[in-house]
Amino acid sequence: MKRARRALANCTNAAVGTTDLVDPRKSQVVELRVFGGLNVEETAEVLKVSLDTVVRDWSWPRLGCSAG
């Protein structure tokens, strides 16, 4: 269990760091969803973007984490 949590934390940190270089908004989506505990609707409201934008931005960094 500890190994799985550590892997998830590493993956999340890598996603935020990598995403920030590519697209700062995607990084904000990851930070708000993971560290802020916000749902899709709350994240869209905070960032003043559409729900579809949040869903799209959220799916991109998760692709790399699901492979582990």
PDB file of N, CA and C in Angstrom:
ATOM      1  N   MET A   1       0.830  -1.195   0.000  1.00  0.00           N
ATOM      2  CA  MET A   1       0.000   0.000   0.000  1.00  0.00           C
ATOM      3  C   MET A   1       0.870   1.253   0.000  1.00  0.00           C
ATOM      4  N   LYS A   2       1.931   1.254   0.798  1.00  0.00           N
ATOM      5  CA  LYS A   2       2.810   2.418   0.838  1.00  0.00           C
ATOM      6  C   LYS A   2       3.475   2.628  -0.511  1.00  0.00           C
ATOM      7  N   ARG A   3       3.845   1.527  -1.160  1.00  0.00           N
ATOM      8  CA  ARG A   3       4.483   1.627  -2.476  1.00  0.00           C
ATOM      9  C   ARG A   3       3.529   2.253  -3.493  1.00  0.00           C
ATOM     10  N   ALA A   4       2.261   1.863  -3.438  1.00  0.00           N
ATOM     11  CA  ALA A   4       1.271   2.411  -4.369  1.00  0.00           C
ATOM     12  C   ALA A   4       1.066   3.901  -4.129  1.00  0.00           C
ATOM     13  N   ARG A   5       1.012   4.307  -2.864  1.00  0.00           N
ATOM     14  CA  ARG A   5       0.843   5.733  -2.549  1.00  0.00           C
ATOM     15  C   ARG A   5       2.046   6.537  -3.006  1.00  0.00           C
ATOM     16  N   ARG A   6       3.230   5.977  -2.779  1.00  0.00           N
ATOM     17  CA  ARG A   6       4.463   6.658  -3.186  1.00  0.00           C
ATOM     18  C   ARG A   6       4.505   6.795  -4.710  1.00  0.00           C
ATOM     19  N   ALA A   7       4.103   5.739  -5.428  1.00  0.00           N
ATOM     20  CA  ALA A   7       4.088   5.778  -6.893  1.00  0.00           C
ATOM     21  C   ALA A   7       3.096   6.829  -7.385  1.00  0.00           C
ATOM     22  N   LEU A   8       1.931   6.887  -6.746  1.00  0.00           N
ATOM     23  CA  LEU A   8       0.935   7.888  -7.127  1.00  0.00           C
ATOM     24  C   LEU A   8       1.451   9.296  -6.863  1.00  0.00           C
ATOM     25  N   ALA A   9       2.086   9.512  -5.736  1.00  0.00           N
ATOM     26  CA  ALA A   9       2.631  10.832  -5.415  1.00  0.00           C
ATOM     27  C   ALA A   9       3.715  11.225  -6.413  1.00  0.00           C
ATOM     28  N   ASN A  10       4.593  10.302  -6.737  1.00  0.00           N
ATOM     29  CA  ASN A  10       5.644  10.582  -7.717  1.00  0.00           C
ATOM     30  C   ASN A  10       5.059  10.903  -9.082  1.00  0.00           C
ATOM     31  N   CYS A  11       4.069  10.137  -9.480  1.00  0.00           N
ATOM     32  CA  CYS A  11       3.426  10.352 -10.765  1.00  0.00           C
ATOM     33  C   CYS A  11       2.726  11.704 -10.801  1.00  0.00           C
ATOM     34  N   THR A  12       2.039  12.044  -9.728  1.00  0.00           N
ATOM     35  CA  THR A  12       1.339  13.326  -9.651  1.00  0.00           C
ATOM     36  C   THR A  12       2.323  14.480  -9.710  1.00  0.00           C
ATOM     37  N   ASN A  13       3.405  14.387  -8.947  1.00  0.00           N
ATOM     38  CA  ASN A  13       4.417  15.441  -8.982  1.00  0.00           C
ATOM     39  C   ASN A  13       5.036  15.571 -10.359  1.00  0.00           C
ATOM     40  N   ALA A  14       5.306  14.452 -11.006  1.00  0.00           N
ATOM     41  CA  ALA A  14       5.867  14.480 -12.357  1.00  0.00           C
ATOM     42  C   ALA A  14       4.875  15.085 -13.338  1.00  0.00           C
ATOM     43  N   ALA A  15       3.592  14.736 -13.180  1.00  0.00           N
ATOM     44  CA  ALA A  15       2.574  15.285 -14.078  1.00  0.00           C
ATOM     45  C   ALA A  15       2.475  16.794 -13.925  1.00  0.00           C
ATOM     46  N   VAL A  16       2.494  17.277 -12.691  1.00  0.00           N
ATOM     47  CA  VAL A  16       2.407  18.718 -12.457  1.00  0.00           C
ATOM     48  C   VAL A  16       3.636  19.414 -13.045  1.00  0.00           C
ATOM     49  N   GLY A  17       4.811  18.884 -12.788  1.00  0.00           N
ATOM     50  CA  GLY A  17       6.031  19.503 -13.286  1.00  0.00           C
ATOM     51  C   GLY A  17       6.110  19.502 -14.800  1.00  0.00           C
ATOM     52  N   THR A  18       5.801  18.369 -15.413  1.00  0.00           N
ATOM     53  CA  THR A  18       5.847  18.255 -16.866  1.00  0.00           C
ATOM     54  C   THR A  18       4.761  19.104 -17.501  1.00  0.00           C
ATOM     55  N   THR A  19       3.582  19.046 -16.938  1.00  0.00           N
ATOM     56  CA  THR A  19       2.459  19.788 -17.489  1.00  0.00           C
ATOM     57  C   THR A  19       2.701  21.281 -17.402  1.00  0.00           C
ATOM     58  N   ASP A  20       3.321  21.732 -16.316  1.00  0.00           N
ATOM     59  CA  ASP A  20       3.601  23.156 -16.148  1.00  0.00           C
ATOM     60  C   ASP A  20       4.491  23.672 -17.270  1.00  0.00           C
ATOM     61  N   LEU A  21       5.416  22.849 -17.732  1.00  0.00           N
ATOM     62  CA  LEU A  21       6.288  23.251 -18.832  1.00  0.00           C
ATOM     63  C   LEU A  21       5.526  23.327 -20.142  1.00  0.00           C
ATOM     64  N   VAL A  22       4.563  22.436 -20.321  1.00  0.00           N
ATOM     65  CA  VAL A  22       3.809  22.368 -21.566  1.00  0.00           C
ATOM     66  C   VAL A  22       2.651  23.360 -21.579  1.00  0.00           C
ATOM     67  N   ASP A  23       1.877  23.375 -20.516  1.00  0.00           N
ATOM     68  CA  ASP A  23       0.674  24.201 -20.463  1.00  0.00           C
ATOM     69  C   ASP A  23       0.352  24.501 -18.989  1.00  0.00           C
ATOM     70  N   PRO A  24       0.604  25.726 -18.568  1.00  0.00           N
ATOM     71  CA  PRO A  24       0.361  26.075 -17.154  1.00  0.00           C
ATOM     72  C   PRO A  24      -1.071  25.822 -16.685  1.00  0.00           C
ATOM     73  N   ARG A  25      -2.058  25.998 -17.570  1.00  0.00           N
ATOM     74  CA  ARG A  25      -3.445  25.759 -17.154  1.00  0.00           C
ATOM     75  C   ARG A  25      -3.664  24.291 -16.813  1.00  0.00           C
ATOM     76  N   LYS A  26      -3.082  23.388 -17.595  1.00  0.00           N
ATOM     77  CA  LYS A  26      -3.215  21.959 -17.303  1.00  0.00           C
ATOM     78  C   LYS A  26      -2.601  21.645 -15.943  1.00  0.00           C
ATOM     79  N   SER A  27      -1.500  22.291 -15.641  1.00  0.00           N
ATOM     80  CA  SER A  27      -0.866  22.110 -14.339  1.00  0.00           C
ATOM     81  C   SER A  27      -1.797  22.592 -13.228  1.00  0.00           C
ATOM     82  N   GLN A  28      -2.464  23.707 -13.456  1.00  0.00           N
ATOM     83  CA  GLN A  28      -3.407  24.221 -12.459  1.00  0.00           C
ATOM     84  C   GLN A  28      -4.560  23.246 -12.255  1.00  0.00           C
ATOM     85  N   VAL A  29      -5.034  22.642 -13.344  1.00  0.00           N
ATOM     86  CA  VAL A  29      -6.118  21.667 -13.235  1.00  0.00           C
ATOM     87  C   VAL A  29      -5.677  20.496 -12.358  1.00  0.00           C
ATOM     88  N   VAL A  30      -4.473  19.976 -12.610  1.00  0.00           N
ATOM     89  CA  VAL A  30      -3.964  18.859 -11.804  1.00  0.00           C
ATOM     90  C   VAL A  30      -3.839  19.277 -10.346  1.00  0.00           C
ATOM     91  N   GLU A  31      -3.275  20.428 -10.091  1.00  0.00           N
ATOM     92  CA  GLU A  31      -3.095  20.890  -8.712  1.00  0.00           C
ATOM     93  C   GLU A  31      -4.428  21.054  -7.997  1.00  0.00           C
ATOM     94  N   LEU A  32      -5.405  21.673  -8.657  1.00  0.00           N
ATOM     95  CA  LEU A  32      -6.704  21.889  -8.026  1.00  0.00           C
ATOM     96  C   LEU A  32      -7.440  20.577  -7.778  1.00  0.00           C
ATOM     97  N   ARG A  33      -7.365  19.646  -8.738  1.00  0.00           N
ATOM     98  CA  ARG A  33      -8.063  18.371  -8.592  1.00  0.00           C
ATOM     99  C   ARG A  33      -7.400  17.490  -7.541  1.00  0.00           C
ATOM    100  N   VAL A  34      -6.063  17.384  -7.592  1.00  0.00           N
ATOM    101  CA  VAL A  34      -5.363  16.450  -6.704  1.00  0.00           C
ATOM    102  C   VAL A  34      -5.125  17.045  -5.329  1.00  0.00           C
ATOM    103  N   PHE A  35      -4.506  18.205  -5.278  1.00  0.00           N
ATOM    104  CA  PHE A  35      -4.119  18.788  -3.997  1.00  0.00           C
ATOM    105  C   PHE A  35      -5.228  19.620  -3.371  1.00  0.00           C
ATOM    106  N   GLY A  36      -6.072  20.225  -4.219  1.00  0.00           N
ATOM    107  CA  GLY A  36      -7.161  21.037  -3.697  1.00  0.00           C
ATOM    108  C   GLY A  36      -8.425  20.252  -3.437  1.00  0.00           C
ATOM    109  N   GLY A  37      -8.517  19.048  -4.025  1.00  0.00           N
ATOM    110  CA  GLY A  37      -9.685  18.206  -3.820  1.00  0.00           C
ATOM    111  C   GLY A  37     -10.932  18.691  -4.542  1.00  0.00           C
ATOM    112  N   LEU A  38     -10.760  19.570  -5.526  1.00  0.00           N
ATOM    113  CA  LEU A  38     -11.909  20.098  -6.249  1.00  0.00           C
ATOM    114  C   LEU A  38     -12.404  19.095  -7.285  1.00  0.00           C
ATOM    115  N   ASN A  39     -13.710  19.139  -7.545  1.00  0.00           N
ATOM    116  CA  ASN A  39     -14.261  18.303  -8.612  1.00  0.00           C
ATOM    117  C   ASN A  39     -14.174  19.077  -9.927  1.00  0.00           C
ATOM    118  N   VAL A  40     -14.654  18.484 -11.004  1.00  0.00           N
ATOM    119  CA  VAL A  40     -14.548  19.100 -12.327  1.00  0.00           C
ATOM    120  C   VAL A  40     -15.270  20.446 -12.371  1.00  0.00           C
ATOM    121  N   GLU A  41     -16.473  20.498 -11.831  1.00  0.00           N
ATOM    122  CA  GLU A  41     -17.257  21.729 -11.868  1.00  0.00           C
ATOM    123  C   GLU A  41     -16.577  22.852 -11.080  1.00  0.00           C
ATOM    124  N   GLU A  42     -16.076  22.522  -9.889  1.00  0.00           N
ATOM    125  CA  GLU A  42     -15.397  23.531  -9.065  1.00  0.00           C
ATOM    126  C   GLU A  42     -14.120  24.028  -9.735  1.00  0.00           C
ATOM    127  N   THR A  43     -13.393  23.111 -10.349  1.00  0.00           N
ATOM    128  CA  THR A  43     -12.160  23.485 -11.043  1.00  0.00           C
ATOM    129  C   THR A  43     -12.461  24.419 -12.204  1.00  0.00           C
ATOM    130  N   ALA A  44     -13.505  24.106 -12.968  1.00  0.00           N
ATOM    131  CA  ALA A  44     -13.895  24.957 -14.093  1.00  0.00           C
ATOM    132  C   ALA A  44     -14.278  26.354 -13.609  1.00  0.00           C
ATOM    133  N   GLU A  45     -14.984  26.407 -12.508  1.00  0.00           N
ATOM    134  CA  GLU A  45     -15.403  27.694 -11.961  1.00  0.00           C
ATOM    135  C   GLU A  45     -14.197  28.529 -11.514  1.00  0.00           C
ATOM    136  N   VAL A  46     -13.267  27.899 -10.801  1.00  0.00           N
ATOM    137  CA  VAL A  46     -12.086  28.611 -10.318  1.00  0.00           C
ATOM    138  C   VAL A  46     -11.247  29.142 -11.488  1.00  0.00           C
ATOM    139  N   LEU A  47     -11.063  28.317 -12.508  1.00  0.00           N
ATOM    140  CA  LEU A  47     -10.220  28.700 -13.645  1.00  0.00           C
ATOM    141  C   LEU A  47     -10.982  29.498 -14.712  1.00  0.00           C
ATOM    142  N   LYS A  48     -12.298  29.590 -14.535  1.00  0.00           N
ATOM    143  CA  LYS A  48     -13.147  30.307 -15.487  1.00  0.00           C
ATOM    144  C   LYS A  48     -13.009  29.736 -16.901  1.00  0.00           C
ATOM    145  N   VAL A  49     -13.132  28.401 -16.962  1.00  0.00           N
ATOM    146  CA  VAL A  49     -13.115  27.685 -18.236  1.00  0.00           C
ATOM    147  C   VAL A  49     -14.292  26.728 -18.259  1.00  0.00           C
ATOM    148  N   SER A  50     -14.536  26.113 -19.407  1.00  0.00           N
ATOM    149  CA  SER A  50     -15.663  25.190 -19.532  1.00  0.00           C
ATOM    150  C   SER A  50     -15.355  23.847 -18.875  1.00  0.00           C
ATOM    151  N   LEU A  51     -16.424  23.092 -18.612  1.00  0.00           N
ATOM    152  CA  LEU A  51     -16.267  21.746 -18.062  1.00  0.00           C
ATOM    153  C   LEU A  51     -15.469  20.873 -19.033  1.00  0.00           C
ATOM    154  N   ASP A  52     -15.752  21.007 -20.334  1.00  0.00           N
ATOM    155  CA  ASP A  52     -15.033  20.216 -21.338  1.00  0.00           C
ATOM    156  C   ASP A  52     -13.541  20.503 -21.309  1.00  0.00           C
ATOM    157  N   THR A  53     -13.165  21.749 -21.070  1.00  0.00           N
ATOM    158  CA  THR A  53     -11.750  22.110 -20.997  1.00  0.00           C
ATOM    159  C   THR A  53     -11.089  21.424 -19.812  1.00  0.00           C
ATOM    160  N   VAL A  54     -11.749  21.425 -18.666  1.00  0.00           N
ATOM    161  CA  VAL A  54     -11.190  20.781 -17.477  1.00  0.00           C
ATOM    162  C   VAL A  54     -11.058  19.277 -17.713  1.00  0.00           C
ATOM    163  N   VAL A  55     -12.076  18.661 -18.276  1.00  0.00           N
ATOM    164  CA  VAL A  55     -12.031  17.221 -18.543  1.00  0.00           C
ATOM    165  C   VAL A  55     -10.877  16.899 -19.490  1.00  0.00           C
ATOM    166  N   ARG A  56     -10.727  17.680 -20.532  1.00  0.00           N
ATOM    167  CA  ARG A  56      -9.637  17.466 -21.493  1.00  0.00           C
ATOM    168  C   ARG A  56      -8.271  17.677 -20.827  1.00  0.00           C
ATOM    169  N   ASP A  57      -8.130  18.757 -20.075  1.00  0.00           N
ATOM    170  CA  ASP A  57      -6.858  19.044 -19.400  1.00  0.00           C
ATOM    171  C   ASP A  57      -6.541  18.002 -18.333  1.00  0.00           C
ATOM    172  N   TRP A  58      -7.565  17.472 -17.689  1.00  0.00           N
ATOM    173  CA  TRP A  58      -7.369  16.480 -16.628  1.00  0.00           C
ATOM    174  C   TRP A  58      -6.992  15.122 -17.207  1.00  0.00           C
ATOM    175  N   SER A  59      -7.480  14.790 -18.382  1.00  0.00           N
ATOM    176  CA  SER A  59      -7.203  13.464 -18.945  1.00  0.00           C
ATOM    177  C   SER A  59      -5.788  13.340 -19.470  1.00  0.00           C
ATOM    178  N   TRP A  60      -5.199  14.428 -19.919  1.00  0.00           N
ATOM    179  CA  TRP A  60      -3.857  14.363 -20.511  1.00  0.00           C
ATOM    180  C   TRP A  60      -2.783  13.899 -19.523  1.00  0.00           C
ATOM    181  N   PRO A  61      -2.628  14.519 -18.347  1.00  0.00           N
ATOM    182  CA  PRO A  61      -1.581  14.026 -17.442  1.00  0.00           C
ATOM    183  C   PRO A  61      -1.894  12.670 -16.829  1.00  0.00           C
ATOM    184  N   ARG A  62      -3.171  12.312 -16.733  1.00  0.00           N
ATOM    185  CA  ARG A  62      -3.539  11.022 -16.156  1.00  0.00           C
ATOM    186  C   ARG A  62      -3.126   9.870 -17.043  1.00  0.00           C
ATOM    187  N   LEU A  63      -3.000  10.101 -18.339  1.00  0.00           N
ATOM    188  CA  LEU A  63      -2.614   9.028 -19.249  1.00  0.00           C
ATOM    189  C   LEU A  63      -1.260   8.444 -18.852  1.00  0.00           C
ATOM    190  N   GLY A  64      -0.321   9.291 -18.501  1.00  0.00           N
ATOM    191  CA  GLY A  64       1.000   8.817 -18.108  1.00  0.00           C
ATOM    192  C   GLY A  64       0.988   8.093 -16.777  1.00  0.00           C
ATOM    193  N   CYS A  65       0.097   8.462 -15.885  1.00  0.00           N
ATOM    194  CA  CYS A  65       0.037   7.839 -14.560  1.00  0.00           C
ATOM    195  C   CYS A  65      -0.665   6.490 -14.592  1.00  0.00           C
ATOM    196  N   SER A  66      -1.539   6.277 -15.533  1.00  0.00           N
ATOM    197  CA  SER A  66      -2.281   5.023 -15.556  1.00  0.00           C
ATOM    198  C   SER A  66      -1.450   3.852 -16.039  1.00  0.00           C
ATOM    199  N   ALA A  67      -0.329   4.139 -16.694  1.00  0.00           N
ATOM    200  CA  ALA A  67       0.507   3.062 -17.225  1.00  0.00           C
ATOM    201  C   ALA A  67       1.279   2.353 -16.125  1.00  0.00           C
ATOM    202  N   GLY A  68       1.484   3.014 -14.960  1.00  0.00           N
ATOM    203  CA  GLY A  68       2.289   2.426 -13.889  1.00  0.00           C
ATOM    204  C   GLY A  68       1.517   1.494 -13.083  1.00  0.00           C
TER     205      GLY A  68
END
